[in-house]
């Protein structure tokens, strides 16, 4: 077995395996999902377009606010 990076260890743990290889495609269940606030409207439209009407686990969704108004606008 080759040494695993921390990222490989985390991914392996979340897909129920001992190891993963670089470049390998796997299915994982994330602990949380995050979205930057300005991109949410576009993401919401895309989800609705594919038939997703609600977030299945809103307690596991995080909205990251990383913009603020300019001091000149105050």
PDB file of N, CA and C in Angstrom:
ATOM      1  N   UNK A   1       0.837  -1.179   0.000  1.00  0.00           N
ATOM      2  CA  UNK A   1       0.000   0.000   0.000  1.00  0.00           C
ATOM      3  C   UNK A   1       0.887   1.249   0.000  1.00  0.00           C
ATOM      4  N   UNK A   2       0.538   2.217  -0.834  1.00  0.00           N
ATOM      5  CA  UNK A   2       1.299   3.465  -0.868  1.00  0.00           C
ATOM      6  C   UNK A   2       0.774   4.415   0.201  1.00  0.00           C
ATOM      7  N   UNK A   3       1.615   5.348   0.600  1.00  0.00           N
ATOM      8  CA  UNK A   3       1.212   6.336   1.595  1.00  0.00           C
ATOM      9  C   UNK A   3       0.063   7.179   1.060  1.00  0.00           C
ATOM     10  N   UNK A   4      -0.842   7.556   1.920  1.00  0.00           N
ATOM     11  CA  UNK A   4      -2.004   8.357   1.551  1.00  0.00           C
ATOM     12  C   UNK A   4      -1.835   9.777   2.097  1.00  0.00           C
ATOM     13  N   UNK A   5      -2.210  10.765   1.290  1.00  0.00           N
ATOM     14  CA  UNK A   5      -2.218  12.145   1.774  1.00  0.00           C
ATOM     15  C   UNK A   5      -3.405  12.311   2.714  1.00  0.00           C
ATOM     16  N   UNK A   6      -3.445  13.412   3.429  1.00  0.00           N
ATOM     17  CA  UNK A   6      -4.576  13.663   4.321  1.00  0.00           C
ATOM     18  C   UNK A   6      -5.877  13.756   3.515  1.00  0.00           C
ATOM     19  N   UNK A   7      -5.809  14.357   2.323  1.00  0.00           N
ATOM     20  CA  UNK A   7      -7.002  14.448   1.478  1.00  0.00           C
ATOM     21  C   UNK A   7      -7.490  13.055   1.079  1.00  0.00           C
ATOM     22  N   UNK A   8      -6.575  12.177   0.706  1.00  0.00           N
ATOM     23  CA  UNK A   8      -6.955  10.816   0.342  1.00  0.00           C
ATOM     24  C   UNK A   8      -7.570  10.080   1.532  1.00  0.00           C
ATOM     25  N   UNK A   9      -7.022  10.289   2.715  1.00  0.00           N
ATOM     26  CA  UNK A   9      -7.555   9.637   3.910  1.00  0.00           C
ATOM     27  C   UNK A   9      -8.976  10.106   4.212  1.00  0.00           C
ATOM     28  N   UNK A  10      -9.210  11.411   4.076  1.00  0.00           N
ATOM     29  CA  UNK A  10     -10.546  11.964   4.327  1.00  0.00           C
ATOM     30  C   UNK A  10     -11.533  11.433   3.296  1.00  0.00           C
ATOM     31  N   UNK A  11     -11.152  11.459   2.034  1.00  0.00           N
ATOM     32  CA  UNK A  11     -12.036  10.960   0.969  1.00  0.00           C
ATOM     33  C   UNK A  11     -12.319   9.476   1.157  1.00  0.00           C
ATOM     34  N   UNK A  12     -11.301   8.697   1.460  1.00  0.00           N
ATOM     35  CA  UNK A  12     -11.491   7.255   1.678  1.00  0.00           C
ATOM     36  C   UNK A  12     -12.468   7.011   2.829  1.00  0.00           C
ATOM     37  N   UNK A  13     -12.295   7.743   3.910  1.00  0.00           N
ATOM     38  CA  UNK A  13     -13.185   7.574   5.066  1.00  0.00           C
ATOM     39  C   UNK A  13     -14.633   7.888   4.710  1.00  0.00           C
ATOM     40  N   UNK A  14     -14.837   8.884   3.842  1.00  0.00           N
ATOM     41  CA  UNK A  14     -16.196   9.297   3.499  1.00  0.00           C
ATOM     42  C   UNK A  14     -16.832   8.446   2.401  1.00  0.00           C
ATOM     43  N   UNK A  15     -16.064   7.581   1.794  1.00  0.00           N
ATOM     44  CA  UNK A  15     -16.680   6.658   0.825  1.00  0.00           C
ATOM     45  C   UNK A  15     -16.597   5.219   1.319  1.00  0.00           C
ATOM     46  N   UNK A  16     -16.251   5.061   2.600  1.00  0.00           N
ATOM     47  CA  UNK A  16     -16.272   3.744   3.220  1.00  0.00           C
ATOM     48  C   UNK A  16     -15.162   2.806   2.796  1.00  0.00           C
ATOM     49  N   UNK A  17     -14.007   3.361   2.461  1.00  0.00           N
ATOM     50  CA  UNK A  17     -12.882   2.534   2.029  1.00  0.00           C
ATOM     51  C   UNK A  17     -11.650   2.838   2.865  1.00  0.00           C
ATOM     52  N   UNK A  18     -10.673   1.958   2.781  1.00  0.00           N
ATOM     53  CA  UNK A  18      -9.416   2.169   3.500  1.00  0.00           C
ATOM     54  C   UNK A  18      -8.498   3.130   2.758  1.00  0.00           C
ATOM     55  N   UNK A  19      -8.493   3.053   1.422  1.00  0.00           N
ATOM     56  CA  UNK A  19      -7.621   3.899   0.604  1.00  0.00           C
ATOM     57  C   UNK A  19      -8.324   4.298  -0.679  1.00  0.00           C
ATOM     58  N   UNK A  20      -7.833   5.353  -1.292  1.00  0.00           N
ATOM     59  CA  UNK A  20      -8.237   5.759  -2.645  1.00  0.00           C
ATOM     60  C   UNK A  20      -6.979   6.120  -3.411  1.00  0.00           C
ATOM     61  N   UNK A  21      -7.035   5.984  -4.710  1.00  0.00           N
ATOM     62  CA  UNK A  21      -5.891   6.319  -5.556  1.00  0.00           C
ATOM     63  C   UNK A  21      -6.086   7.677  -6.218  1.00  0.00           C
ATOM     64  N   UNK A  22      -4.993   8.358  -6.481  1.00  0.00           N
ATOM     65  CA  UNK A  22      -5.031   9.635  -7.184  1.00  0.00           C
ATOM     66  C   UNK A  22      -5.670   9.412  -8.555  1.00  0.00           C
ATOM     67  N   UNK A  23      -6.617  10.273  -8.915  1.00  0.00           N
ATOM     68  CA  UNK A  23      -7.280  10.176 -10.205  1.00  0.00           C
ATOM     69  C   UNK A  23      -8.483   9.243 -10.223  1.00  0.00           C
ATOM     70  N   UNK A  24      -8.708   8.549  -9.135  1.00  0.00           N
ATOM     71  CA  UNK A  24      -9.824   7.614  -9.047  1.00  0.00           C
ATOM     72  C   UNK A  24     -11.132   8.376  -8.801  1.00  0.00           C
ATOM     73  N   UNK A  25     -12.216   7.929  -9.418  1.00  0.00           N
ATOM     74  CA  UNK A  25     -13.531   8.509  -9.187  1.00  0.00           C
ATOM     75  C   UNK A  25     -14.231   7.712  -8.097  1.00  0.00           C
ATOM     76  N   UNK A  26     -14.733   8.406  -7.082  1.00  0.00           N
ATOM     77  CA  UNK A  26     -15.444   7.757  -5.987  1.00  0.00           C
ATOM     78  C   UNK A  26     -16.690   8.575  -5.650  1.00  0.00           C
ATOM     79  N   UNK A  27     -17.610   7.969  -4.951  1.00  0.00           N
ATOM     80  CA  UNK A  27     -18.799   8.665  -4.478  1.00  0.00           C
ATOM     81  C   UNK A  27     -18.665   8.864  -2.983  1.00  0.00           C
ATOM     82  N   UNK A  28     -18.816  10.102  -2.546  1.00  0.00           N
ATOM     83  CA  UNK A  28     -18.686  10.410  -1.126  1.00  0.00           C
ATOM     84  C   UNK A  28     -19.931  11.159  -0.641  1.00  0.00           C
ATOM     85  N   UNK A  29     -20.139  11.107   0.645  1.00  0.00           N
ATOM     86  CA  UNK A  29     -21.177  11.901   1.280  1.00  0.00           C
ATOM     87  C   UNK A  29     -20.476  12.936   2.143  1.00  0.00           C
ATOM     88  N   UNK A  30     -20.565  14.209   1.769  1.00  0.00           N
ATOM     89  CA  UNK A  30     -19.857  15.233   2.538  1.00  0.00           C
ATOM     90  C   UNK A  30     -20.536  15.494   3.879  1.00  0.00           C
ATOM     91  N   UNK A  31     -19.759  15.936   4.850  1.00  0.00           N
ATOM     92  CA  UNK A  31     -20.328  16.327   6.137  1.00  0.00           C
ATOM     93  C   UNK A  31     -21.195  17.569   5.966  1.00  0.00           C
ATOM     94  N   UNK A  32     -20.713  18.515   5.186  1.00  0.00           N
ATOM     95  CA  UNK A  32     -21.416  19.769   4.933  1.00  0.00           C
ATOM     96  C   UNK A  32     -21.211  20.171   3.481  1.00  0.00           C
ATOM     97  N   UNK A  33     -22.124  20.992   2.971  1.00  0.00           N
ATOM     98  CA  UNK A  33     -21.914  21.625   1.674  1.00  0.00           C
ATOM     99  C   UNK A  33     -21.922  23.134   1.912  1.00  0.00           C
ATOM    100  N   UNK A  34     -21.174  23.851   1.110  1.00  0.00           N
ATOM    101  CA  UNK A  34     -21.074  25.298   1.293  1.00  0.00           C
ATOM    102  C   UNK A  34     -21.320  26.009  -0.028  1.00  0.00           C
ATOM    103  N   UNK A  35     -21.902  27.193   0.076  1.00  0.00           N
ATOM    104  CA  UNK A  35     -22.150  28.020  -1.107  1.00  0.00           C
ATOM    105  C   UNK A  35     -21.860  29.466  -0.730  1.00  0.00           C
ATOM    106  N   UNK A  36     -21.185  30.157  -1.604  1.00  0.00           N
ATOM    107  CA  UNK A  36     -20.902  31.574  -1.408  1.00  0.00           C
ATOM    108  C   UNK A  36     -22.182  32.337  -1.758  1.00  0.00           C
ATOM    109  N   UNK A  37     -22.545  33.315  -0.955  1.00  0.00           N
ATOM    110  CA  UNK A  37     -23.873  33.920  -1.036  1.00  0.00           C
ATOM    111  C   UNK A  37     -24.234  34.502  -2.401  1.00  0.00           C
ATOM    112  N   UNK A  38     -23.291  35.061  -3.122  1.00  0.00           N
ATOM    113  CA  UNK A  38     -23.626  35.661  -4.415  1.00  0.00           C
ATOM    114  C   UNK A  38     -23.922  34.617  -5.495  1.00  0.00           C
ATOM    115  N   UNK A  39     -23.476  33.382  -5.290  1.00  0.00           N
ATOM    116  CA  UNK A  39     -23.705  32.336  -6.279  1.00  0.00           C
ATOM    117  C   UNK A  39     -24.971  31.525  -6.028  1.00  0.00           C
ATOM    118  N   UNK A  40     -25.600  31.689  -4.849  1.00  0.00           N
ATOM    119  CA  UNK A  40     -26.762  30.877  -4.509  1.00  0.00           C
ATOM    120  C   UNK A  40     -27.910  31.012  -5.517  1.00  0.00           C
ATOM    121  N   UNK A  41     -28.295  32.215  -5.971  1.00  0.00           N
ATOM    122  CA  UNK A  41     -29.419  32.284  -6.908  1.00  0.00           C
ATOM    123  C   UNK A  41     -29.208  31.431  -8.170  1.00  0.00           C
ATOM    124  N   UNK A  42     -28.013  31.429  -8.715  1.00  0.00           N
ATOM    125  CA  UNK A  42     -27.720  30.604  -9.887  1.00  0.00           C
ATOM    126  C   UNK A  42     -27.771  29.123  -9.562  1.00  0.00           C
ATOM    127  N   UNK A  43     -27.228  28.753  -8.420  1.00  0.00           N
ATOM    128  CA  UNK A  43     -27.269  27.350  -8.001  1.00  0.00           C
ATOM    129  C   UNK A  43     -28.707  26.901  -7.769  1.00  0.00           C
ATOM    130  N   UNK A  44     -29.509  27.773  -7.162  1.00  0.00           N
ATOM    131  CA  UNK A  44     -30.906  27.436  -6.902  1.00  0.00           C
ATOM    132  C   UNK A  44     -31.653  27.197  -8.215  1.00  0.00           C
ATOM    133  N   UNK A  45     -31.440  28.061  -9.205  1.00  0.00           N
ATOM    134  CA  UNK A  45     -32.081  27.867 -10.521  1.00  0.00           C
ATOM    135  C   UNK A  45     -31.652  26.546 -11.147  1.00  0.00           C
ATOM    136  N   UNK A  46     -30.365  26.223 -11.056  1.00  0.00           N
ATOM    137  CA  UNK A  46     -29.881  24.956 -11.622  1.00  0.00           C
ATOM    138  C   UNK A  46     -30.496  23.761 -10.916  1.00  0.00           C
ATOM    139  N   UNK A  47     -30.615  23.820  -9.596  1.00  0.00           N
ATOM    140  CA  UNK A  47     -31.237  22.730  -8.857  1.00  0.00           C
ATOM    141  C   UNK A  47     -32.702  22.568  -9.258  1.00  0.00           C
ATOM    142  N   UNK A  48     -33.414  23.679  -9.368  1.00  0.00           N
ATOM    143  CA  UNK A  48     -34.814  23.614  -9.785  1.00  0.00           C
ATOM    144  C   UNK A  48     -34.942  23.046 -11.194  1.00  0.00           C
ATOM    145  N   UNK A  49     -34.002  23.410 -12.064  1.00  0.00           N
ATOM    146  CA  UNK A  49     -34.006  22.920 -13.441  1.00  0.00           C
ATOM    147  C   UNK A  49     -33.897  21.396 -13.519  1.00  0.00           C
ATOM    148  N   UNK A  50     -33.174  20.792 -12.572  1.00  0.00           N
ATOM    149  CA  UNK A  50     -33.017  19.334 -12.586  1.00  0.00           C
ATOM    150  C   UNK A  50     -34.012  18.639 -11.650  1.00  0.00           C
ATOM    151  N   UNK A  51     -34.965  19.416 -11.129  1.00  0.00           N
ATOM    152  CA  UNK A  51     -36.037  18.824 -10.346  1.00  0.00           C
ATOM    153  C   UNK A  51     -35.811  18.744  -8.851  1.00  0.00           C
ATOM    154  N   UNK A  52     -34.806  19.448  -8.345  1.00  0.00           N
ATOM    155  CA  UNK A  52     -34.573  19.456  -6.899  1.00  0.00           C
ATOM    156  C   UNK A  52     -35.322  20.659  -6.335  1.00  0.00           C
ATOM    157  N   UNK A  53     -36.406  20.398  -5.596  1.00  0.00           N
ATOM    158  CA  UNK A  53     -37.241  21.470  -5.076  1.00  0.00           C
ATOM    159  C   UNK A  53     -36.810  21.989  -3.714  1.00  0.00           C
ATOM    160  N   UNK A  54     -36.032  21.192  -2.991  1.00  0.00           N
ATOM    161  CA  UNK A  54     -35.574  21.620  -1.671  1.00  0.00           C
ATOM    162  C   UNK A  54     -34.251  20.934  -1.356  1.00  0.00           C
ATOM    163  N   UNK A  55     -33.503  21.522  -0.442  1.00  0.00           N
ATOM    164  CA  UNK A  55     -32.253  20.921  -0.003  1.00  0.00           C
ATOM    165  C   UNK A  55     -32.622  19.809   0.977  1.00  0.00           C
ATOM    166  N   UNK A  56     -32.199  18.579   0.705  1.00  0.00           N
ATOM    167  CA  UNK A  56     -32.609  17.465   1.561  1.00  0.00           C
ATOM    168  C   UNK A  56     -32.142  17.571   3.012  1.00  0.00           C
ATOM    169  N   UNK A  57     -30.979  18.154   3.254  1.00  0.00           N
ATOM    170  CA  UNK A  57     -30.450  18.277   4.619  1.00  0.00           C
ATOM    171  C   UNK A  57     -30.030  19.725   4.860  1.00  0.00           C
ATOM    172  N   UNK A  58     -30.992  20.640   5.070  1.00  0.00           N
ATOM    173  CA  UNK A  58     -30.609  22.042   5.278  1.00  0.00           C
ATOM    174  C   UNK A  58     -29.712  22.250   6.492  1.00  0.00           C
ATOM    175  N   UNK A  59     -29.741  21.318   7.449  1.00  0.00           N
ATOM    176  CA  UNK A  59     -28.867  21.437   8.614  1.00  0.00           C
ATOM    177  C   UNK A  59     -27.410  21.163   8.254  1.00  0.00           C
ATOM    178  N   UNK A  60     -27.163  20.657   7.063  1.00  0.00           N
ATOM    179  CA  UNK A  60     -25.803  20.358   6.613  1.00  0.00           C
ATOM    180  C   UNK A  60     -25.352  21.313   5.504  1.00  0.00           C
ATOM    181  N   UNK A  61     -26.120  22.380   5.280  1.00  0.00           N
ATOM    182  CA  UNK A  61     -25.772  23.369   4.250  1.00  0.00           C
ATOM    183  C   UNK A  61     -25.294  24.649   4.931  1.00  0.00           C
ATOM    184  N   UNK A  62     -24.217  25.218   4.416  1.00  0.00           N
ATOM    185  CA  UNK A  62     -23.639  26.432   4.989  1.00  0.00           C
ATOM    186  C   UNK A  62     -23.578  27.498   3.902  1.00  0.00           C
ATOM    187  N   UNK A  63     -24.115  28.679   4.195  1.00  0.00           N
ATOM    188  CA  UNK A  63     -24.028  29.807   3.276  1.00  0.00           C
ATOM    189  C   UNK A  63     -22.885  30.690   3.763  1.00  0.00           C
ATOM    190  N   UNK A  64     -21.886  30.875   2.937  1.00  0.00           N
ATOM    191  CA  UNK A  64     -20.703  31.643   3.314  1.00  0.00           C
ATOM    192  C   UNK A  64     -20.839  33.057   2.762  1.00  0.00           C
ATOM    193  N   UNK A  65     -20.849  34.011   3.656  1.00  0.00           N
ATOM    194  CA  UNK A  65     -20.953  35.414   3.257  1.00  0.00           C
ATOM    195  C   UNK A  65     -19.553  35.994   3.283  1.00  0.00           C
ATOM    196  N   UNK A  66     -19.060  36.340   2.091  1.00  0.00           N
ATOM    197  CA  UNK A  66     -17.693  36.865   2.047  1.00  0.00           C
ATOM    198  C   UNK A  66     -17.615  38.203   1.318  1.00  0.00           C
ATOM    199  N   UNK A  67     -18.734  38.860   1.209  1.00  0.00           N
ATOM    200  CA  UNK A  67     -18.753  40.193   0.606  1.00  0.00           C
ATOM    201  C   UNK A  67     -19.417  41.150   1.590  1.00  0.00           C
ATOM    202  N   UNK A  68     -18.971  42.361   1.580  1.00  0.00           N
ATOM    203  CA  UNK A  68     -19.613  43.385   2.401  1.00  0.00           C
ATOM    204  C   UNK A  68     -19.682  44.664   1.586  1.00  0.00           C
ATOM    205  N   UNK A  69     -20.515  45.579   2.013  1.00  0.00           N
ATOM    206  CA  UNK A  69     -20.646  46.830   1.276  1.00  0.00           C
ATOM    207  C   UNK A  69     -19.379  47.673   1.438  1.00  0.00           C
ATOM    208  N   UNK A  70     -19.136  48.448   0.479  1.00  0.00           N
ATOM    209  CA  UNK A  70     -17.981  49.343   0.504  1.00  0.00           C
ATOM    210  C   UNK A  70     -18.200  50.443   1.545  1.00  0.00           C
ATOM    211  N   UNK A  71     -17.145  50.867   2.192  1.00  0.00           N
ATOM    212  CA  UNK A  71     -17.233  51.961   3.147  1.00  0.00           C
ATOM    213  C   UNK A  71     -17.745  53.225   2.460  1.00  0.00           C
ATOM    214  N   UNK A  72     -17.451  53.359   1.169  1.00  0.00           N
ATOM    215  CA  UNK A  72     -17.893  54.548   0.418  1.00  0.00           C
ATOM    216  C   UNK A  72     -19.400  54.541   0.216  1.00  0.00           C
ATOM    217  N   UNK A  73     -20.044  53.361   0.340  1.00  0.00           N
ATOM    218  CA  UNK A  73     -21.497  53.278   0.137  1.00  0.00           C
ATOM    219  C   UNK A  73     -22.257  53.619   1.409  1.00  0.00           C
ATOM    220  N   UNK A  74     -21.551  53.682   2.560  1.00  0.00           N
ATOM    221  CA  UNK A  74     -22.202  53.887   3.858  1.00  0.00           C
ATOM    222  C   UNK A  74     -22.620  55.273   4.064  1.00  0.00           C
TER     223      UNK A  74
END
